[in-house]
Amino acid sequence: MKKKDNLDFQDTLFVTGYKKQLLLIKLIHKVKFYKNHF
């Protein structure tokens, strides 16, 4: 039981980290886009 909870916790951490990275990448692309156009 304990081991499965730990695995679920790690999966959740991985998913949230992945989503944060995606947001960061989108932000960086927006900044680059604006710098190129203004």
PDB file of N, CA and C in Angstrom:
ATOM      1  N   MET A   1       0.837  -1.204   0.000  1.00  0.00           N
ATOM      2  CA  MET A   1       0.000   0.000   0.000  1.00  0.00           C
ATOM      3  C   MET A   1       0.871   1.252   0.000  1.00  0.00           C
ATOM      4  N   LYS A   2       1.858   1.242   0.879  1.00  0.00           N
ATOM      5  CA  LYS A   2       2.730   2.419   0.998  1.00  0.00           C
ATOM      6  C   LYS A   2       3.488   2.654  -0.317  1.00  0.00           C
ATOM      7  N   LYS A   3       3.934   1.565  -0.920  1.00  0.00           N
ATOM      8  CA  LYS A   3       4.728   1.702  -2.141  1.00  0.00           C
ATOM      9  C   LYS A   3       3.898   2.302  -3.277  1.00  0.00           C
ATOM     10  N   LYS A   4       2.647   1.878  -3.392  1.00  0.00           N
ATOM     11  CA  LYS A   4       1.792   2.404  -4.454  1.00  0.00           C
ATOM     12  C   LYS A   4       1.538   3.900  -4.249  1.00  0.00           C
ATOM     13  N   ASP A   5       1.299   4.303  -2.995  1.00  0.00           N
ATOM     14  CA  ASP A   5       1.086   5.729  -2.718  1.00  0.00           C
ATOM     15  C   ASP A   5       2.298   6.532  -3.165  1.00  0.00           C
ATOM     16  N   ASN A   6       3.472   5.996  -2.883  1.00  0.00           N
ATOM     17  CA  ASN A   6       4.706   6.682  -3.250  1.00  0.00           C
ATOM     18  C   ASN A   6       4.804   6.828  -4.766  1.00  0.00           C
ATOM     19  N   LEU A   7       4.440   5.777  -5.489  1.00  0.00           N
ATOM     20  CA  LEU A   7       4.480   5.822  -6.953  1.00  0.00           C
ATOM     21  C   LEU A   7       3.507   6.868  -7.488  1.00  0.00           C
ATOM     22  N   ASP A   8       2.297   6.882  -6.936  1.00  0.00           N
ATOM     23  CA  ASP A   8       1.306   7.874  -7.369  1.00  0.00           C
ATOM     24  C   ASP A   8       1.819   9.281  -7.113  1.00  0.00           C
ATOM     25  N   PHE A   9       2.460   9.462  -5.967  1.00  0.00           N
ATOM     26  CA  PHE A   9       3.003  10.776  -5.612  1.00  0.00           C
ATOM     27  C   PHE A   9       4.071  11.194  -6.619  1.00  0.00           C
ATOM     28  N   GLN A  10       4.938  10.264  -6.990  1.00  0.00           N
ATOM     29  CA  GLN A  10       5.991  10.565  -7.962  1.00  0.00           C
ATOM     30  C   GLN A  10       5.389  10.903  -9.323  1.00  0.00           C
ATOM     31  N   ASP A  11       4.349  10.160  -9.713  1.00  0.00           N
ATOM     32  CA  ASP A  11       3.679  10.446 -10.986  1.00  0.00           C
ATOM     33  C   ASP A  11       3.092  11.850 -10.981  1.00  0.00           C
ATOM     34  N   THR A  12       2.473  12.231  -9.859  1.00  0.00           N
ATOM     35  CA  THR A  12       1.873  13.561  -9.757  1.00  0.00           C
ATOM     36  C   THR A  12       2.943  14.628  -9.873  1.00  0.00           C
ATOM     37  N   LEU A  13       4.059  14.421  -9.186  1.00  0.00           N
ATOM     38  CA  LEU A  13       5.170  15.373  -9.258  1.00  0.00           C
ATOM     39  C   LEU A  13       5.655  15.496 -10.698  1.00  0.00           C
ATOM     40  N   PHE A  14       5.789  14.362 -11.374  1.00  0.00           N
ATOM     41  CA  PHE A  14       6.273  14.359 -12.751  1.00  0.00           C
ATOM     42  C   PHE A  14       5.328  15.139 -13.662  1.00  0.00           C
ATOM     43  N   VAL A  15       4.022  14.893 -13.507  1.00  0.00           N
ATOM     44  CA  VAL A  15       3.025  15.552 -14.362  1.00  0.00           C
ATOM     45  C   VAL A  15       3.017  17.058 -14.126  1.00  0.00           C
ATOM     46  N   THR A  16       3.055  17.485 -12.853  1.00  0.00           N
ATOM     47  CA  THR A  16       3.040  18.925 -12.574  1.00  0.00           C
ATOM     48  C   THR A  16       4.323  19.564 -13.082  1.00  0.00           C
ATOM     49  N   GLY A  17       5.450  18.880 -12.920  1.00  0.00           N
ATOM     50  CA  GLY A  17       6.711  19.410 -13.425  1.00  0.00           C
ATOM     51  C   GLY A  17       6.671  19.550 -14.941  1.00  0.00           C
ATOM     52  N   TYR A  18       6.074  18.557 -15.607  1.00  0.00           N
ATOM     53  CA  TYR A  18       5.967  18.572 -17.061  1.00  0.00           C
ATOM     54  C   TYR A  18       5.109  19.743 -17.524  1.00  0.00           C
ATOM     55  N   LYS A  19       3.981  19.960 -16.844  1.00  0.00           N
ATOM     56  CA  LYS A  19       3.091  21.069 -17.211  1.00  0.00           C
ATOM     57  C   LYS A  19       3.783  22.409 -17.002  1.00  0.00           C
ATOM     58  N   LYS A  20       4.545  22.531 -15.909  1.00  0.00           N
ATOM     59  CA  LYS A  20       5.273  23.778 -15.650  1.00  0.00           C
ATOM     60  C   LYS A  20       6.288  24.028 -16.753  1.00  0.00           C
ATOM     61  N   GLN A  21       6.976  22.962 -17.190  1.00  0.00           N
ATOM     62  CA  GLN A  21       7.951  23.115 -18.267  1.00  0.00           C
ATOM     63  C   GLN A  21       7.271  23.572 -19.551  1.00  0.00           C
ATOM     64  N   LEU A  22       6.111  23.004 -19.858  1.00  0.00           N
ATOM     65  CA  LEU A  22       5.370  23.402 -21.057  1.00  0.00           C
ATOM     66  C   LEU A  22       5.004  24.877 -20.996  1.00  0.00           C
ATOM     67  N   LEU A  23       4.525  25.332 -19.832  1.00  0.00           N
ATOM     68  CA  LEU A  23       4.165  26.741 -19.664  1.00  0.00           C
ATOM     69  C   LEU A  23       5.387  27.620 -19.858  1.00  0.00           C
ATOM     70  N   LEU A  24       6.514  27.196 -19.295  1.00  0.00           N
ATOM     71  CA  LEU A  24       7.752  27.962 -19.408  1.00  0.00           C
ATOM     72  C   LEU A  24       8.170  28.073 -20.873  1.00  0.00           C
ATOM     73  N   ILE A  25       8.080  26.970 -21.604  1.00  0.00           N
ATOM     74  CA  ILE A  25       8.448  26.973 -23.021  1.00  0.00           C
ATOM     75  C   ILE A  25       7.545  27.921 -23.804  1.00  0.00           C
ATOM     76  N   LYS A  26       6.243  27.887 -23.522  1.00  0.00           N
ATOM     77  CA  LYS A  26       5.310  28.797 -24.201  1.00  0.00           C
ATOM     78  C   LYS A  26       5.668  30.244 -23.909  1.00  0.00           C
ATOM     79  N   LEU A  27       5.986  30.538 -22.648  1.00  0.00           N
ATOM     80  CA  LEU A  27       6.366  31.900 -22.260  1.00  0.00           C
ATOM     81  C   LEU A  27       7.604  32.346 -23.021  1.00  0.00           C
ATOM     82  N   ILE A  28       8.611  31.483 -23.075  1.00  0.00           N
ATOM     83  CA  ILE A  28       9.858  31.829 -23.763  1.00  0.00           C
ATOM     84  C   ILE A  28       9.590  32.095 -25.240  1.00  0.00           C
ATOM     85  N   HIS A  29       8.756  31.267 -25.862  1.00  0.00           N
ATOM     86  CA  HIS A  29       8.431  31.477 -27.273  1.00  0.00           C
ATOM     87  C   HIS A  29       7.726  32.812 -27.484  1.00  0.00           C
ATOM     88  N   LYS A  30       6.818  33.177 -26.581  1.00  0.00           N
ATOM     89  CA  LYS A  30       6.120  34.458 -26.692  1.00  0.00           C
ATOM     90  C   LYS A  30       7.102  35.608 -26.593  1.00  0.00           C
ATOM     91  N   VAL A  31       8.010  35.530 -25.631  1.00  0.00           N
ATOM     92  CA  VAL A  31       8.999  36.600 -25.445  1.00  0.00           C
ATOM     93  C   VAL A  31       9.868  36.734 -26.694  1.00  0.00           C
ATOM     94  N   LYS A  32      10.328  35.617 -27.232  1.00  0.00           N
ATOM     95  CA  LYS A  32      11.146  35.647 -28.447  1.00  0.00           C
ATOM     96  C   LYS A  32      10.358  36.260 -29.596  1.00  0.00           C
ATOM     97  N   PHE A  33       9.088  35.879 -29.715  1.00  0.00           N
ATOM     98  CA  PHE A  33       8.231  36.385 -30.781  1.00  0.00           C
ATOM     99  C   PHE A  33       8.102  37.904 -30.691  1.00  0.00           C
ATOM    100  N   TYR A  34       7.823  38.408 -29.478  1.00  0.00           N
ATOM    101  CA  TYR A  34       7.662  39.852 -29.304  1.00  0.00           C
ATOM    102  C   TYR A  34       8.966  40.591 -29.564  1.00  0.00           C
ATOM    103  N   LYS A  35      10.076  40.019 -29.147  1.00  0.00           N
ATOM    104  CA  LYS A  35      11.372  40.670 -29.372  1.00  0.00           C
ATOM    105  C   LYS A  35      11.662  40.768 -30.869  1.00  0.00           C
ATOM    106  N   ASN A  36      11.269  39.764 -31.614  1.00  0.00           N
ATOM    107  CA  ASN A  36      11.520  39.769 -33.054  1.00  0.00           C
ATOM    108  C   ASN A  36      10.627  40.759 -33.793  1.00  0.00           C
ATOM    109  N   HIS A  37       9.443  41.040 -33.260  1.00  0.00           N
ATOM    110  CA  HIS A  37       8.481  41.869 -33.978  1.00  0.00           C
ATOM    111  C   HIS A  37       8.424  43.311 -33.512  1.00  0.00           C
ATOM    112  N   PHE A  38       9.119  43.641 -32.396  1.00  0.00           N
ATOM    113  CA  PHE A  38       9.057  45.023 -31.927  1.00  0.00           C
ATOM    114  C   PHE A  38      10.444  45.599 -31.714  1.00  0.00           C
TER     115      PHE A  38
END
